[in-house]
């Protein structure tokens, strides 16, 4: 490792085996899930998966997302999920599928002491609205999808730096860099003042093996990879 990071790394996924591996490796400080990842992992029983995940993550923070589109049902689900344990943060999307703002619901839940992870945020206006709605005494995570911002051709770094300044108004609100695309994003997120970054298992593997590796050594490894693959393929000219 070439430098000490201040940022907390959370594993993003829904494979309980990966959660156990990440926990045992000592590389992460928390976990996040979402319905898409759960579906990809073959989860069919939400509550049963949550129980397994809570056991696997050893008391570290973990986020579970509501899956309703109606705000009243979102609230019911959120209050139920919040009863699953002290480490649980409830993920609430910034809007429903109709584009209607979840800010009133966020304010009610945060005011009631429910720890939230507000997800699918992509604009600074959304960050401001969320931070204004949060109760100053209730922990919360503000998840900005920096990777998706980058996918549009926009550099997310200046936006995330400003988002960190906005979040400072509520000391118990932590800014999360979501949907990273490469290992470098961990160091970018740390530099701009994000509190948390979520990483998938492939990025986590690179983090444990690649950070600080000499570039000349990596160059030689790359040459060997090309040579070995050509030999294995039996290429001839």
Protein backbone atom coordinates (compact mmCIF):
# COMPACT_ATOMS: atom_id res chain seq x y z
CA UNK A 1 0.00 0.00 0.00
CA UNK A 2 1.46 3.35 -1.01
CA UNK A 3 -0.66 5.59 1.21
CA UNK A 4 -3.03 5.43 4.15
CA UNK A 5 -6.62 6.09 3.19
CA UNK A 6 -9.17 7.90 5.33
CA UNK A 7 -12.12 6.59 3.34
CA UNK A 8 -14.11 3.53 4.43
CA UNK A 9 -14.45 0.79 1.82
CA UNK A 10 -17.79 -1.02 1.63
CA UNK A 11 -18.27 -4.20 -0.39
CA UNK A 12 -21.16 -3.96 -2.85
CA UNK A 13 -22.89 -7.22 -3.70
CA UNK A 14 -25.40 -9.87 -2.73
CA UNK A 15 -23.32 -13.05 -2.64
CA UNK A 16 -23.02 -14.12 1.00
CA UNK A 17 -19.82 -16.05 0.23
CA UNK A 18 -18.20 -12.89 -1.11
CA UNK A 19 -19.34 -11.03 2.00
CA UNK A 20 -17.67 -13.60 4.24
CA UNK A 21 -14.46 -13.42 2.19
CA UNK A 22 -14.40 -9.62 2.34
CA UNK A 23 -15.02 -9.69 6.07
CA UNK A 24 -12.32 -12.26 6.72
CA UNK A 25 -9.79 -10.45 4.53
CA UNK A 26 -10.14 -7.34 6.71
CA UNK A 27 -10.35 -5.03 3.69
CA UNK A 28 -13.83 -3.56 4.20
CA UNK A 29 -15.67 -1.62 6.87
CA UNK A 30 -19.23 -2.20 5.66
CA UNK A 31 -21.53 -3.62 2.99
CA UNK A 32 -24.24 -2.52 0.59
CA UNK A 33 -26.80 -4.45 -1.45
CA UNK A 34 -29.58 -3.59 -3.87
CA UNK A 35 -32.43 -5.46 -5.59
CA UNK A 36 -30.56 -5.72 -8.89
CA UNK A 37 -27.53 -7.35 -7.27
CA UNK A 38 -29.81 -9.63 -5.26
CA UNK A 39 -31.63 -10.77 -8.40
CA UNK A 40 -28.30 -11.46 -10.15
CA UNK A 41 -27.26 -13.59 -7.18
CA UNK A 42 -30.48 -15.60 -7.35
CA UNK A 43 -32.04 -14.25 -4.16
CA UNK A 44 -35.76 -15.04 -3.96
CA UNK A 45 -36.47 -14.62 -0.23
CA UNK A 46 -35.52 -11.08 0.79
CA UNK A 47 -35.81 -11.51 4.57
CA UNK A 48 -33.96 -14.84 4.57
CA UNK A 49 -31.13 -13.30 2.55
CA UNK A 50 -30.97 -10.37 4.95
CA UNK A 51 -30.59 -12.71 7.92
CA UNK A 52 -27.75 -14.55 6.20
CA UNK A 53 -26.09 -11.30 5.21
CA UNK A 54 -26.29 -9.90 8.73
CA UNK A 55 -24.65 -13.05 10.09
CA UNK A 56 -21.98 -12.92 7.38
CA UNK A 57 -21.04 -9.29 7.92
CA UNK A 58 -20.23 -9.55 11.59
CA UNK A 59 -21.94 -6.41 12.87
CA UNK A 60 -20.52 -4.04 10.28
CA UNK A 61 -22.88 -1.51 8.65
CA UNK A 62 -25.02 -2.97 5.87
CA UNK A 63 -27.64 -1.37 3.64
CA UNK A 64 -30.84 -3.04 2.44
CA UNK A 65 -33.10 -1.28 -0.06
CA UNK A 66 -36.86 -0.87 -0.15
CA UNK A 67 -38.43 -2.09 -3.37
CA UNK A 68 -41.86 -0.44 -3.43
CA UNK A 69 -42.78 2.43 -5.76
CA UNK A 70 -45.56 3.86 -3.59
CA UNK A 71 -44.23 6.08 -0.81
CA UNK A 72 -46.57 4.73 1.86
CA UNK A 73 -45.41 1.20 1.09
CA UNK A 74 -41.80 2.38 0.96
CA UNK A 75 -42.24 3.76 4.46
CA UNK A 76 -43.75 0.53 5.75
CA UNK A 77 -40.90 -1.50 4.27
CA UNK A 78 -38.30 0.94 5.58
CA UNK A 79 -39.58 0.80 9.13
CA UNK A 80 -39.63 -3.01 8.98
CA UNK A 81 -36.11 -3.27 7.55
CA UNK A 82 -34.86 -0.89 10.25
CA UNK A 83 -35.91 -3.43 12.90
CA UNK A 84 -33.51 -6.05 11.53
CA UNK A 85 -30.58 -4.81 13.60
CA UNK A 86 -28.35 -1.98 14.71
CA UNK A 87 -25.97 -2.26 11.71
CA UNK A 88 -28.81 -1.77 9.20
CA UNK A 89 -29.17 1.29 7.00
CA UNK A 90 -32.32 1.46 4.87
CA UNK A 91 -31.78 2.43 1.25
CA UNK A 92 -34.36 4.86 -0.13
CA UNK A 93 -34.19 5.96 -3.77
CA UNK A 94 -34.11 9.70 -4.35
CA UNK A 95 -37.33 9.40 -6.42
CA UNK A 96 -39.83 6.73 -7.33
CA UNK A 97 -40.14 5.47 -10.93
CA UNK A 98 -42.49 8.34 -11.76
CA UNK A 99 -39.79 10.86 -10.87
CA UNK A 100 -41.65 11.97 -7.73
CA UNK A 101 -39.32 13.15 -4.99
CA UNK A 102 -38.73 10.97 -1.94
CA UNK A 103 -37.59 13.98 0.11
CA UNK A 104 -40.74 14.14 2.31
CA UNK A 105 -40.36 10.43 3.14
CA UNK A 106 -36.65 10.86 3.82
CA UNK A 107 -37.42 13.67 6.23
CA UNK A 108 -40.04 11.62 8.10
CA UNK A 109 -37.88 8.53 8.42
CA UNK A 110 -34.74 10.41 9.41
CA UNK A 111 -36.71 12.43 11.93
CA UNK A 112 -37.98 9.16 13.40
CA UNK A 113 -34.42 7.96 13.91
CA UNK A 114 -34.27 5.54 10.95
CA UNK A 115 -30.74 5.31 9.57
CA UNK A 116 -30.98 5.87 5.82
CA UNK A 117 -28.84 5.35 2.75
CA UNK A 118 -30.32 7.61 0.11
CA UNK A 119 -29.48 6.10 -3.26
CA UNK A 120 -29.44 6.87 -7.01
CA UNK A 121 -28.36 10.50 -6.46
CA UNK A 122 -26.68 12.12 -9.48
CA UNK A 123 -27.03 15.90 -9.06
CA UNK A 124 -25.89 18.47 -6.53
CA UNK A 125 -29.47 19.74 -6.19
CA UNK A 126 -30.45 16.26 -5.05
CA UNK A 127 -27.58 16.26 -2.55
CA UNK A 128 -28.72 19.62 -1.15
CA UNK A 129 -32.32 18.49 -0.85
CA UNK A 130 -31.33 15.29 0.94
CA UNK A 131 -28.97 17.01 3.38
CA UNK A 132 -31.61 19.62 4.20
CA UNK A 133 -34.15 16.87 4.91
CA UNK A 134 -31.92 14.78 7.19
CA UNK A 135 -32.23 14.97 10.95
CA UNK A 136 -28.98 16.24 12.42
CA UNK A 137 -29.03 13.55 15.11
CA UNK A 138 -29.62 10.54 12.86
CA UNK A 139 -26.79 8.85 10.94
CA UNK A 140 -27.27 8.74 7.17
CA UNK A 141 -25.43 7.89 3.98
CA UNK A 142 -25.74 10.08 0.89
CA UNK A 143 -24.96 7.86 -2.11
CA UNK A 144 -23.92 9.76 -5.22
CA UNK A 145 -23.46 7.56 -8.28
CA UNK A 146 -20.16 9.02 -9.42
CA UNK A 147 -19.51 6.14 -11.81
CA UNK A 148 -22.74 6.79 -13.67
CA UNK A 149 -21.89 10.48 -13.85
CA UNK A 150 -18.57 9.51 -15.45
CA UNK A 151 -20.43 7.29 -17.91
CA UNK A 152 -22.04 10.44 -19.35
CA UNK A 153 -18.64 11.95 -20.11
CA UNK A 154 -18.70 14.29 -17.10
CA UNK A 155 -15.81 14.30 -14.62
CA UNK A 156 -17.40 13.43 -11.26
CA UNK A 157 -14.48 14.62 -9.14
CA UNK A 158 -15.44 18.34 -8.90
CA UNK A 159 -19.07 17.40 -8.26
CA UNK A 160 -18.09 14.97 -5.49
CA UNK A 161 -15.83 17.56 -3.90
CA UNK A 162 -18.73 20.00 -3.73
CA UNK A 163 -21.07 17.27 -2.49
CA UNK A 164 -18.67 16.63 0.40
CA UNK A 165 -18.87 20.31 1.36
CA UNK A 166 -22.67 20.20 1.27
CA UNK A 167 -22.78 17.10 3.46
CA UNK A 168 -20.62 18.81 6.06
CA UNK A 169 -23.72 20.74 7.15
CA UNK A 170 -24.97 17.55 8.80
CA UNK A 171 -22.05 15.94 10.69
CA UNK A 172 -23.80 12.56 10.86
CA UNK A 173 -24.32 12.45 7.09
CA UNK A 174 -21.63 10.51 5.23
CA UNK A 175 -20.99 10.95 1.52
CA UNK A 176 -20.65 7.72 -0.46
CA UNK A 177 -19.00 7.44 -3.89
CA UNK A 178 -21.18 4.83 -5.59
CA UNK A 179 -20.71 2.73 -8.74
CA UNK A 180 -16.93 3.08 -9.11
CA UNK A 181 -15.53 1.96 -12.45
CA UNK A 182 -11.87 1.44 -11.55
CA UNK A 183 -9.49 1.15 -8.63
CA UNK A 184 -8.32 4.75 -9.06
CA UNK A 185 -11.78 5.90 -7.95
CA UNK A 186 -10.96 4.83 -4.37
CA UNK A 187 -8.10 7.31 -4.25
CA UNK A 188 -10.11 10.03 -6.00
CA UNK A 189 -12.97 9.59 -3.54
CA UNK A 190 -10.57 9.74 -0.60
CA UNK A 191 -8.91 12.90 -1.93
CA UNK A 192 -12.17 14.85 -2.36
CA UNK A 193 -13.41 14.01 1.14
CA UNK A 194 -15.90 11.18 0.61
CA UNK A 195 -16.46 9.12 3.74
CA UNK A 196 -17.31 5.83 1.99
CA UNK A 197 -16.85 4.14 -1.38
CA UNK A 198 -18.62 0.97 -2.48
CA UNK A 199 -16.58 -1.54 -4.43
CA UNK A 200 -17.49 -4.72 -6.27
CA UNK A 201 -15.59 -7.96 -5.71
CA UNK A 202 -13.43 -7.48 -8.82
CA UNK A 203 -12.23 -4.03 -7.70
CA UNK A 204 -11.72 -5.33 -4.17
CA UNK A 205 -9.48 -8.09 -5.53
CA UNK A 206 -7.41 -5.53 -7.45
CA UNK A 207 -7.17 -3.40 -4.31
CA UNK A 208 -5.57 -6.24 -2.39
CA UNK A 209 -3.12 -7.18 -5.16
CA UNK A 210 -2.38 -4.14 -7.32
CA UNK A 211 -2.02 -1.06 -5.14
CA UNK A 212 1.61 -0.03 -4.89
CA UNK A 213 2.84 -2.58 -7.43
CA UNK A 214 5.91 -1.26 -9.33
CA UNK A 215 4.98 -0.32 -12.89
CA UNK A 216 8.04 -2.01 -14.42
CA UNK A 217 7.00 -5.24 -12.71
CA UNK A 218 3.46 -4.82 -14.01
CA UNK A 219 4.85 -4.20 -17.50
CA UNK A 220 6.76 -7.48 -17.38
CA UNK A 221 3.68 -9.32 -16.10
CA UNK A 222 1.72 -7.96 -19.05
CA UNK A 223 4.34 -9.14 -21.55
CA UNK A 224 4.32 -12.59 -19.94
CA UNK A 225 0.52 -12.73 -20.12
CA UNK A 226 0.52 -12.01 -23.86
CA UNK A 227 3.27 -14.57 -24.49
CA UNK A 228 1.64 -17.29 -22.38
CA UNK A 229 -1.77 -16.77 -23.98
CA UNK A 230 -0.30 -16.91 -27.48
CA UNK A 231 1.53 -20.12 -26.60
CA UNK A 232 -1.58 -21.65 -25.03
CA UNK A 233 -3.58 -20.81 -28.15
CA UNK A 234 -0.99 -22.54 -30.33
CA UNK A 235 -0.66 -19.59 -32.68
CA UNK A 236 1.58 -20.12 -35.73
CA UNK A 237 2.55 -17.98 -38.71
